[in-house]
PDB file of all heavy atoms in Angstrom:
ATOM      1  N   VAL A   1      74.812  84.476 214.788  1.00  0.00           N
ATOM      2  CA  VAL A   1      74.665  83.065 215.276  1.00  0.00           C
ATOM      3  C   VAL A   1      73.202  82.621 214.820  1.00  0.00           C
ATOM      4  O   VAL A   1      72.351  83.410 214.752  1.00  0.00           O
ATOM      5  CB  VAL A   1      74.897  82.894 216.766  1.00  0.00           C
ATOM      6  CG1 VAL A   1      76.431  83.111 217.135  1.00  0.00           C
ATOM      7  CG2 VAL A   1      73.976  83.824 217.468  1.00  0.00           C
ATOM      8  N   GLN A   2      73.039  81.346 214.644  1.00  0.00           N
ATOM      9  CA  GLN A   2      71.910  80.714 214.174  1.00  0.00           C
ATOM     10  C   GLN A   2      71.472  79.626 215.272  1.00  0.00           C
ATOM     11  O   GLN A   2      72.394  78.822 215.646  1.00  0.00           O
ATOM     12  CB  GLN A   2      72.070  80.096 212.850  1.00  0.00           C
ATOM     13  CG  GLN A   2      70.737  79.533 212.223  1.00  0.00           C
ATOM     14  CD  GLN A   2      69.843  80.632 211.756  1.00  0.00           C
ATOM     15  OE1 GLN A   2      70.339  81.663 211.364  1.00  0.00           O
ATOM     16  NE2 GLN A   2      68.575  80.375 211.686  1.00  0.00           N
ATOM     17  N   LEU A   3      70.241  79.584 215.570  1.00  0.00           N
ATOM     18  CA  LEU A   3      69.774  78.536 216.564  1.00  0.00           C
ATOM     19  C   LEU A   3      69.871  77.175 215.862  1.00  0.00           C
ATOM     20  O   LEU A   3      69.242  76.984 214.756  1.00  0.00           O
ATOM     21  CB  LEU A   3      68.382  78.813 216.942  1.00  0.00           C
ATOM     22  CG  LEU A   3      67.700  77.855 217.969  1.00  0.00           C
ATOM     23  CD1 LEU A   3      68.471  77.964 219.252  1.00  0.00           C
ATOM     24  CD2 LEU A   3      66.219  78.111 218.117  1.00  0.00           C
ATOM     25  N   ALA A   4      70.685  76.266 216.300  1.00  0.00           N
ATOM     26  CA  ALA A   4      70.768  74.901 215.866  1.00  0.00           C
ATOM     27  C   ALA A   4      70.035  73.844 216.452  1.00  0.00           C
ATOM     28  O   ALA A   4      69.671  72.803 215.853  1.00  0.00           O
ATOM     29  CB  ALA A   4      72.283  74.504 215.808  1.00  0.00           C
ATOM     30  N   TRP A   5      69.592  74.059 217.724  1.00  0.00           N
ATOM     31  CA  TRP A   5      68.880  73.073 218.515  1.00  0.00           C
ATOM     32  C   TRP A   5      68.332  73.708 219.726  1.00  0.00           C
ATOM     33  O   TRP A   5      68.995  74.581 220.392  1.00  0.00           O
ATOM     34  CB  TRP A   5      69.759  71.944 218.957  1.00  0.00           C
ATOM     35  CG  TRP A   5      69.180  70.613 219.270  1.00  0.00           C
ATOM     36  CD1 TRP A   5      68.967  69.612 218.298  1.00  0.00           C
ATOM     37  CD2 TRP A   5      68.589  70.211 220.463  1.00  0.00           C
ATOM     38  NE1 TRP A   5      68.279  68.606 218.929  1.00  0.00           N
ATOM     39  CE2 TRP A   5      67.976  68.918 220.245  1.00  0.00           C
ATOM     40  CE3 TRP A   5      68.447  70.800 221.673  1.00  0.00           C
ATOM     41  CZ2 TRP A   5      67.419  68.177 221.253  1.00  0.00           C
ATOM     42  CZ3 TRP A   5      67.819  70.046 222.740  1.00  0.00           C
ATOM     43  CH2 TRP A   5      67.268  68.810 222.512  1.00  0.00           C
ATOM     44  N   ARG A   6      67.000  73.344 220.056  1.00  0.00           N
ATOM     45  CA  ARG A   6      66.457  73.821 221.383  1.00  0.00           C
ATOM     46  C   ARG A   6      65.492  72.778 221.835  1.00  0.00           C
ATOM     47  O   ARG A   6      64.894  72.017 221.130  1.00  0.00           O
ATOM     48  CB  ARG A   6      65.813  75.160 221.231  1.00  0.00           C
ATOM     49  CG  ARG A   6      64.650  75.223 220.288  1.00  0.00           C
ATOM     50  CD  ARG A   6      63.953  76.506 220.137  1.00  0.00           C
ATOM     51  NE  ARG A   6      63.022  76.654 219.105  1.00  0.00           N
ATOM     52  CZ  ARG A   6      62.497  77.776 218.718  1.00  0.00           C
ATOM     53  NH1 ARG A   6      62.833  78.971 219.275  1.00  0.00           N
ATOM     54  NH2 ARG A   6      61.548  77.939 217.739  1.00  0.00           N
ATOM     55  N   ALA A   7      65.225  72.947 223.185  1.00  0.00           N
ATOM     56  CA  ALA A   7      64.221  72.012 223.803  1.00  0.00           C
ATOM     57  C   ALA A   7      63.647  72.751 224.917  1.00  0.00           C
ATOM     58  O   ALA A   7      64.263  73.370 225.760  1.00  0.00           O
ATOM     59  CB  ALA A   7      64.955  70.784 224.322  1.00  0.00           C
ATOM     60  N   ASP A   8      62.322  72.803 224.997  1.00  0.00           N
ATOM     61  CA  ASP A   8      61.572  73.509 226.068  1.00  0.00           C
ATOM     62  C   ASP A   8      61.939  74.922 226.131  1.00  0.00           C
ATOM     63  O   ASP A   8      61.814  75.547 227.271  1.00  0.00           O
ATOM     64  CB  ASP A   8      61.652  72.771 227.375  1.00  0.00           C
ATOM     65  CG  ASP A   8      61.233  71.318 227.356  1.00  0.00           C
ATOM     66  OD1 ASP A   8      60.430  70.946 226.522  1.00  0.00           O
ATOM     67  OD2 ASP A   8      61.863  70.477 228.052  1.00  0.00           O
ATOM     68  N   ALA A   9      62.280  75.601 224.976  1.00  0.00           N
ATOM     69  CA  ALA A   9      62.566  77.034 225.064  1.00  0.00           C
ATOM     70  C   ALA A   9      62.144  77.668 223.815  1.00  0.00           C
ATOM     71  O   ALA A   9      62.886  78.185 223.023  1.00  0.00           O
ATOM     72  CB  ALA A   9      64.199  77.063 225.181  1.00  0.00           C
ATOM     73  N   PRO A  10      60.760  77.784 223.657  1.00  0.00           N
ATOM     74  CA  PRO A  10      60.240  78.371 222.433  1.00  0.00           C
ATOM     75  C   PRO A  10      60.518  79.937 222.344  1.00  0.00           C
ATOM     76  O   PRO A  10      60.374  80.435 221.212  1.00  0.00           O
ATOM     77  CB  PRO A  10      58.736  78.150 222.679  1.00  0.00           C
ATOM     78  CG  PRO A  10      58.473  78.008 224.172  1.00  0.00           C
ATOM     79  CD  PRO A  10      59.750  77.293 224.636  1.00  0.00           C
ATOM     80  N   GLU A  11      60.908  80.608 223.487  1.00  0.00           N
ATOM     81  CA  GLU A  11      61.151  82.004 223.421  1.00  0.00           C
ATOM     82  C   GLU A  11      62.468  82.386 222.778  1.00  0.00           C
ATOM     83  O   GLU A  11      62.726  83.515 222.517  1.00  0.00           O
ATOM     84  CB  GLU A  11      60.964  82.576 224.868  1.00  0.00           C
ATOM     85  CG  GLU A  11      62.070  82.177 225.832  1.00  0.00           C
ATOM     86  CD  GLU A  11      61.890  80.792 226.312  1.00  0.00           C
ATOM     87  OE1 GLU A  11      60.696  80.257 226.172  1.00  0.00           O
ATOM     88  OE2 GLU A  11      62.814  80.173 226.823  1.00  0.00           O
ATOM     89  N   LEU A  12      63.314  81.367 222.628  1.00  0.00           N
ATOM     90  CA  LEU A  12      64.662  81.649 222.048  1.00  0.00           C
ATOM     91  C   LEU A  12      64.541  82.109 220.632  1.00  0.00           C
ATOM     92  O   LEU A  12      63.876  81.338 219.894  1.00  0.00           O
ATOM     93  CB  LEU A  12      65.634  80.405 222.231  1.00  0.00           C
ATOM     94  CG  LEU A  12      66.043  80.041 223.616  1.00  0.00           C
ATOM     95  CD1 LEU A  12      66.916  78.838 223.599  1.00  0.00           C
ATOM     96  CD2 LEU A  12      66.765  81.204 224.347  1.00  0.00           C
ATOM     97  N   PRO A  13      65.220  83.130 220.163  1.00  0.00           N
ATOM     98  CA  PRO A  13      65.131  83.622 218.826  1.00  0.00           C
ATOM     99  C   PRO A  13      65.852  82.673 217.916  1.00  0.00           C
ATOM    100  O   PRO A  13      66.848  81.943 218.201  1.00  0.00           O
ATOM    101  CB  PRO A  13      65.841  84.932 218.709  1.00  0.00           C
ATOM    102  CG  PRO A  13      66.775  84.876 219.974  1.00  0.00           C
ATOM    103  CD  PRO A  13      66.044  84.066 221.026  1.00  0.00           C
ATOM    104  N   GLU A  14      65.273  82.486 216.673  1.00  0.00           N
ATOM    105  CA  GLU A  14      65.938  81.702 215.621  1.00  0.00           C
ATOM    106  C   GLU A  14      67.322  82.102 215.278  1.00  0.00           C
ATOM    107  O   GLU A  14      68.154  81.314 214.828  1.00  0.00           O
ATOM    108  CB  GLU A  14      65.074  81.556 214.379  1.00  0.00           C
ATOM    109  CG  GLU A  14      63.674  80.817 214.729  1.00  0.00           C
ATOM    110  CD  GLU A  14      63.935  79.304 214.861  1.00  0.00           C
ATOM    111  OE1 GLU A  14      64.920  78.783 214.423  1.00  0.00           O
ATOM    112  OE2 GLU A  14      62.999  78.634 215.439  1.00  0.00           O
ATOM    113  N   ARG A  15      67.513  83.381 215.248  1.00  0.00           N
ATOM    114  CA  ARG A  15      68.750  83.993 214.670  1.00  0.00           C
ATOM    115  C   ARG A  15      69.029  85.299 215.529  1.00  0.00           C
ATOM    116  O   ARG A  15      68.254  86.000 215.844  1.00  0.00           O
ATOM    117  CB  ARG A  15      68.630  84.276 213.263  1.00  0.00           C
ATOM    118  CG  ARG A  15      69.961  84.872 212.552  1.00  0.00           C
ATOM    119  CD  ARG A  15      69.736  85.047 211.025  1.00  0.00           C
ATOM    120  NE  ARG A  15      70.943  85.664 210.490  1.00  0.00           N
ATOM    121  CZ  ARG A  15      72.069  84.987 210.165  1.00  0.00           C
ATOM    122  NH1 ARG A  15      72.071  83.689 210.258  1.00  0.00           N
ATOM    123  NH2 ARG A  15      73.082  85.598 209.632  1.00  0.00           N
ATOM    124  N   ILE A  16      70.357  85.428 215.726  1.00  0.00           N
ATOM    125  CA  ILE A  16      70.885  86.624 216.386  1.00  0.00           C
ATOM    126  C   ILE A  16      71.796  87.280 215.396  1.00  0.00           C
ATOM    127  O   ILE A  16      72.907  86.776 215.149  1.00  0.00           O
ATOM    128  CB  ILE A  16      71.609  86.316 217.697  1.00  0.00           C
ATOM    129  CG1 ILE A  16      70.611  85.567 218.611  1.00  0.00           C
ATOM    130  CG2 ILE A  16      72.049  87.529 218.342  1.00  0.00           C
ATOM    131  CD1 ILE A  16      71.216  85.098 219.950  1.00  0.00           C
ATOM    132  N   GLU A  17      71.456  88.378 214.923  1.00  0.00           N
ATOM    133  CA  GLU A  17      72.273  89.192 214.054  1.00  0.00           C
ATOM    134  C   GLU A  17      73.529  89.806 214.728  1.00  0.00           C
ATOM    135  O   GLU A  17      73.521  89.768 215.920  1.00  0.00           O
ATOM    136  CB  GLU A  17      71.564  90.350 213.290  1.00  0.00           C
ATOM    137  CG  GLU A  17      70.286  89.800 212.508  1.00  0.00           C
ATOM    138  CD  GLU A  17      70.747  88.907 211.224  1.00  0.00           C
ATOM    139  OE1 GLU A  17      71.891  89.120 210.844  1.00  0.00           O
ATOM    140  OE2 GLU A  17      70.017  88.179 210.798  1.00  0.00           O
ATOM    141  N   PRO A  18      74.505  90.208 213.987  1.00  0.00           N
ATOM    142  CA  PRO A  18      75.729  90.828 214.536  1.00  0.00           C
ATOM    143  C   PRO A  18      75.351  91.911 215.589  1.00  0.00           C
ATOM    144  O   PRO A  18      74.614  92.842 215.358  1.00  0.00           O
ATOM    145  CB  PRO A  18      76.580  91.298 213.381  1.00  0.00           C
ATOM    146  CG  PRO A  18      76.069  90.456 212.279  1.00  0.00           C
ATOM    147  CD  PRO A  18      74.641  90.208 212.492  1.00  0.00           C
ATOM    148  N   GLY A  19      76.007  91.920 216.642  1.00  0.00           N
ATOM    149  CA  GLY A  19      75.812  92.910 217.769  1.00  0.00           C
ATOM    150  C   GLY A  19      76.875  92.703 218.844  1.00  0.00           C
ATOM    151  O   GLY A  19      78.017  92.412 218.513  1.00  0.00           O
ATOM    152  N   VAL A  20      76.523  92.990 220.043  1.00  0.00           N
ATOM    153  CA  VAL A  20      77.414  93.040 221.113  1.00  0.00           C
ATOM    154  C   VAL A  20      77.583  91.609 221.768  1.00  0.00           C
ATOM    155  O   VAL A  20      78.576  91.303 222.371  1.00  0.00           O
ATOM    156  CB  VAL A  20      76.906  94.011 222.236  1.00  0.00           C
ATOM    157  CG1 VAL A  20      77.872  93.997 223.372  1.00  0.00           C
ATOM    158  CG2 VAL A  20      76.821  95.404 221.651  1.00  0.00           C
ATOM    159  N   LEU A  21      76.544  90.741 221.662  1.00  0.00           N
ATOM    160  CA  LEU A  21      76.518  89.607 222.409  1.00  0.00           C
ATOM    161  C   LEU A  21      77.661  88.660 221.932  1.00  0.00           C
ATOM    162  O   LEU A  21      78.440  88.081 222.841  1.00  0.00           O
ATOM    163  CB  LEU A  21      75.223  88.873 222.271  1.00  0.00           C
ATOM    164  CG  LEU A  21      75.000  87.469 222.895  1.00  0.00           C
ATOM    165  CD1 LEU A  21      75.069  87.717 224.477  1.00  0.00           C
ATOM    166  CD2 LEU A  21      73.660  86.846 222.578  1.00  0.00           C
ATOM    167  N   ALA A  22      77.875  88.339 220.678  1.00  0.00           N
ATOM    168  CA  ALA A  22      78.812  87.414 220.186  1.00  0.00           C
ATOM    169  C   ALA A  22      80.254  87.825 220.584  1.00  0.00           C
ATOM    170  O   ALA A  22      81.010  86.942 221.193  1.00  0.00           O
ATOM    171  CB  ALA A  22      78.706  87.204 218.746  1.00  0.00           C
ATOM    172  N   PRO A  23      80.672  88.966 220.436  1.00  0.00           N
ATOM    173  CA  PRO A  23      82.023  89.456 220.847  1.00  0.00           C
ATOM    174  C   PRO A  23      82.239  89.287 222.298  1.00  0.00           C
ATOM    175  O   PRO A  23      83.281  88.905 222.858  1.00  0.00           O
ATOM    176  CB  PRO A  23      82.144  90.859 220.323  1.00  0.00           C
ATOM    177  CG  PRO A  23      81.265  90.958 219.204  1.00  0.00           C
ATOM    178  CD  PRO A  23      80.086  90.093 219.629  1.00  0.00           C
ATOM    179  N   ALA A  24      81.178  89.672 223.101  1.00  0.00           N
ATOM    180  CA  ALA A  24      81.238  89.591 224.584  1.00  0.00           C
ATOM    181  C   ALA A  24      81.436  88.121 225.032  1.00  0.00           C
ATOM    182  O   ALA A  24      82.123  87.839 225.958  1.00  0.00           O
ATOM    183  CB  ALA A  24      79.983  90.216 225.289  1.00  0.00           C
ATOM    184  N   LEU A  25      80.599  87.206 224.421  1.00  0.00           N
ATOM    185  CA  LEU A  25      80.698  85.833 224.770  1.00  0.00           C
ATOM    186  C   LEU A  25      82.052  85.251 224.392  1.00  0.00           C
ATOM    187  O   LEU A  25      82.631  84.395 225.168  1.00  0.00           O
ATOM    188  CB  LEU A  25      79.651  85.072 224.030  1.00  0.00           C
ATOM    189  CG  LEU A  25      78.202  85.188 224.598  1.00  0.00           C
ATOM    190  CD1 LEU A  25      77.160  84.372 223.760  1.00  0.00           C
ATOM    191  CD2 LEU A  25      78.057  84.821 226.093  1.00  0.00           C
ATOM    192  N   ALA A  26      82.756  85.776 223.316  1.00  0.00           N
ATOM    193  CA  ALA A  26      84.005  85.278 222.970  1.00  0.00           C
ATOM    194  C   ALA A  26      85.095  85.509 224.042  1.00  0.00           C
ATOM    195  O   ALA A  26      86.132  84.892 224.137  1.00  0.00           O
ATOM    196  CB  ALA A  26      84.471  85.783 221.588  1.00  0.00           C
ATOM    197  N   ALA A  27      84.877  86.540 224.840  1.00  0.00           N
ATOM    198  CA  ALA A  27      85.695  86.906 225.878  1.00  0.00           C
ATOM    199  C   ALA A  27      85.372  86.239 227.278  1.00  0.00           C
ATOM    200  O   ALA A  27      86.104  86.463 228.200  1.00  0.00           O
ATOM    201  CB  ALA A  27      85.770  88.456 226.065  1.00  0.00           C
ATOM    202  N   GLN A  28      84.260  85.523 227.297  1.00  0.00           N
ATOM    203  CA  GLN A  28      83.913  84.852 228.590  1.00  0.00           C
ATOM    204  C   GLN A  28      84.584  83.527 228.835  1.00  0.00           C
ATOM    205  O   GLN A  28      85.131  82.909 227.797  1.00  0.00           O
ATOM    206  CB  GLN A  28      82.324  84.689 228.543  1.00  0.00           C
ATOM    207  CG  GLN A  28      81.457  85.885 228.508  1.00  0.00           C
ATOM    208  CD  GLN A  28      81.434  86.401 230.001  1.00  0.00           C
ATOM    209  OE1 GLN A  28      81.804  85.799 231.105  1.00  0.00           O
ATOM    210  NE2 GLN A  28      80.994  87.763 230.094  1.00  0.00           N
ATOM    211  N   PRO A  29      84.585  82.956 230.026  1.00  0.00           N
ATOM    212  CA  PRO A  29      85.202  81.626 230.214  1.00  0.00           C
ATOM    213  C   PRO A  29      84.346  80.610 229.449  1.00  0.00           C
ATOM    214  O   PRO A  29      83.262  80.929 228.991  1.00  0.00           O
ATOM    215  CB  PRO A  29      85.059  81.445 231.738  1.00  0.00           C
ATOM    216  CG  PRO A  29      84.924  82.894 232.264  1.00  0.00           C
ATOM    217  CD  PRO A  29      84.200  83.707 231.281  1.00  0.00           C
ATOM    218  N   MET A  30      84.974  79.490 229.367  1.00  0.00           N
ATOM    219  CA  MET A  30      84.364  78.318 228.644  1.00  0.00           C
ATOM    220  C   MET A  30      82.942  78.056 229.230  1.00  0.00           C
ATOM    221  O   MET A  30      81.953  77.758 228.520  1.00  0.00           O
ATOM    222  CB  MET A  30      85.132  77.098 228.588  1.00  0.00           C
ATOM    223  CG  MET A  30      84.605  75.965 227.869  1.00  0.00           C
ATOM    224  SD  MET A  30      85.668  74.544 228.059  1.00  0.00           S
ATOM    225  CE  MET A  30      87.167  75.026 227.163  1.00  0.00           C
ATOM    226  N   LEU A  31      82.761  78.085 230.573  1.00  0.00           N
ATOM    227  CA  LEU A  31      81.551  77.749 231.166  1.00  0.00           C
ATOM    228  C   LEU A  31      81.388  78.819 232.320  1.00  0.00           C
ATOM    229  O   LEU A  31      82.221  79.100 233.167  1.00  0.00           O
ATOM    230  CB  LEU A  31      81.630  76.363 231.947  1.00  0.00           C
ATOM    231  CG  LEU A  31      80.320  75.746 232.385  1.00  0.00           C
ATOM    232  CD1 LEU A  31      79.360  75.643 231.291  1.00  0.00           C
ATOM    233  CD2 LEU A  31      80.637  74.438 233.175  1.00  0.00           C
ATOM    234  N   CYS A  32      80.245  79.506 232.294  1.00  0.00           N
ATOM    235  CA  CYS A  32      80.014  80.489 233.225  1.00  0.00           C
ATOM    236  C   CYS A  32      78.489  80.554 233.567  1.00  0.00           C
ATOM    237  O   CYS A  32      77.614  80.018 232.902  1.00  0.00           O
ATOM    238  CB  CYS A  32      80.363  81.948 232.722  1.00  0.00           C
ATOM    239  SG  CYS A  32      79.681  82.280 231.025  1.00  0.00           S
ATOM    240  N   GLU A  33      78.201  80.990 234.803  1.00  0.00           N
ATOM    241  CA  GLU A  33      76.884  81.111 235.287  1.00  0.00           C
ATOM    242  C   GLU A  33      76.108  82.152 234.585  1.00  0.00           C
ATOM    243  O   GLU A  33      76.663  83.213 234.162  1.00  0.00           O
ATOM    244  CB  GLU A  33      76.865  81.406 236.794  1.00  0.00           C
ATOM    245  CG  GLU A  33      77.347  80.281 237.629  1.00  0.00           C
ATOM    246  CD  GLU A  33      77.122  80.473 239.136  1.00  0.00           C
ATOM    247  OE1 GLU A  33      76.911  81.703 239.503  1.00  0.00           O
ATOM    248  OE2 GLU A  33      77.182  79.534 239.921  1.00  0.00           O
ATOM    249  N   ALA A  34      74.809  81.965 234.509  1.00  0.00           N
ATOM    250  CA  ALA A  34      73.915  82.976 233.683  1.00  0.00           C
ATOM    251  C   ALA A  34      74.030  84.365 234.285  1.00  0.00           C
ATOM    252  O   ALA A  34      74.042  85.371 233.603  1.00  0.00           O
ATOM    253  CB  ALA A  34      72.515  82.449 233.634  1.00  0.00           C
ATOM    254  N   ARG A  35      74.099  84.408 235.619  1.00  0.00           N
ATOM    255  CA  ARG A  35      74.116  85.681 236.331  1.00  0.00           C
ATOM    256  C   ARG A  35      75.327  86.528 235.888  1.00  0.00           C
ATOM    257  O   ARG A  35      75.337  87.694 235.860  1.00  0.00           O
ATOM    258  CB  ARG A  35      73.950  85.626 237.806  1.00  0.00           C
ATOM    259  CG  ARG A  35      75.227  84.953 238.445  1.00  0.00           C
ATOM    260  CD  ARG A  35      75.007  84.749 239.920  1.00  0.00           C
ATOM    261  NE  ARG A  35      76.246  84.226 240.489  1.00  0.00           N
ATOM    262  CZ  ARG A  35      77.153  85.034 241.067  1.00  0.00           C
ATOM    263  NH1 ARG A  35      77.059  86.356 241.043  1.00  0.00           N
ATOM    264  NH2 ARG A  35      78.267  84.449 241.602  1.00  0.00           N
ATOM    265  N   ASN A  36      76.555  85.783 235.732  1.00  0.00           N
ATOM    266  CA  ASN A  36      77.694  86.488 235.380  1.00  0.00           C
ATOM    267  C   ASN A  36      77.659  87.022 233.953  1.00  0.00           C
ATOM    268  O   ASN A  36      78.069  88.166 233.566  1.00  0.00           O
ATOM    269  CB  ASN A  36      78.939  85.549 235.426  1.00  0.00           C
ATOM    270  CG  ASN A  36      79.226  85.188 236.874  1.00  0.00           C
ATOM    271  OD1 ASN A  36      78.884  85.895 237.783  1.00  0.00           O
ATOM    272  ND2 ASN A  36      79.778  83.902 237.013  1.00  0.00           N
ATOM    273  N   VAL A  37      77.001  86.281 233.012  1.00  0.00           N
ATOM    274  CA  VAL A  37      76.747  86.824 231.648  1.00  0.00           C
ATOM    275  C   VAL A  37      75.852  88.023 231.721  1.00  0.00           C
ATOM    276  O   VAL A  37      76.181  88.973 231.021  1.00  0.00           O
ATOM    277  CB  VAL A  37      76.204  85.724 230.818  1.00  0.00           C
ATOM    278  CG1 VAL A  37      75.904  86.278 229.382  1.00  0.00           C
ATOM    279  CG2 VAL A  37      77.058  84.480 230.697  1.00  0.00           C
ATOM    280  N   HIS A  38      74.816  87.957 232.482  1.00  0.00           N
ATOM    281  CA  HIS A  38      73.962  89.141 232.633  1.00  0.00           C
ATOM    282  C   HIS A  38      74.648  90.314 233.142  1.00  0.00           C
ATOM    283  O   HIS A  38      74.391  91.411 232.679  1.00  0.00           O
ATOM    284  CB  HIS A  38      72.678  88.745 233.472  1.00  0.00           C
ATOM    285  CG  HIS A  38      71.869  87.612 232.908  1.00  0.00           C
ATOM    286  ND1 HIS A  38      70.890  86.939 233.726  1.00  0.00           N
ATOM    287  CD2 HIS A  38      71.834  87.004 231.843  1.00  0.00           C
ATOM    288  CE1 HIS A  38      70.375  86.075 232.960  1.00  0.00           C
ATOM    289  NE2 HIS A  38      70.877  86.027 231.789  1.00  0.00           N
ATOM    290  N   GLU A  39      75.431  90.072 234.113  1.00  0.00           N
ATOM    291  CA  GLU A  39      76.129  91.199 234.756  1.00  0.00           C
ATOM    292  C   GLU A  39      77.118  91.849 233.718  1.00  0.00           C
ATOM    293  O   GLU A  39      77.247  93.103 233.787  1.00  0.00           O
ATOM    294  CB  GLU A  39      76.871  90.763 236.056  1.00  0.00           C
ATOM    295  CG  GLU A  39      77.710  91.842 236.816  1.00  0.00           C
ATOM    296  CD  GLU A  39      76.764  92.830 237.378  1.00  0.00           C
ATOM    297  OE1 GLU A  39      75.470  92.553 237.627  1.00  0.00           O
ATOM    298  OE2 GLU A  39      77.239  93.963 237.577  1.00  0.00           O
ATOM    299  N   SER A  40      77.762  91.087 232.969  1.00  0.00           N
ATOM    300  CA  SER A  40      78.831  91.596 232.031  1.00  0.00           C
ATOM    301  C   SER A  40      78.102  92.407 230.919  1.00  0.00           C
ATOM    302  O   SER A  40      78.758  93.205 230.361  1.00  0.00           O
ATOM    303  CB  SER A  40      79.590  90.517 231.526  1.00  0.00           C
ATOM    304  OG  SER A  40      78.822  89.661 230.718  1.00  0.00           O
TER     305      SER A  40
END
């Protein structure tokens, strides 16, 4: 994934190479709390 837009978040990386995050998010609900993403 590639960072397309950000505001007040300079620590966000410009690009995330293939790994565990993208497939894990594809299995998450459409909208979820940050703590649930962290826990998973």
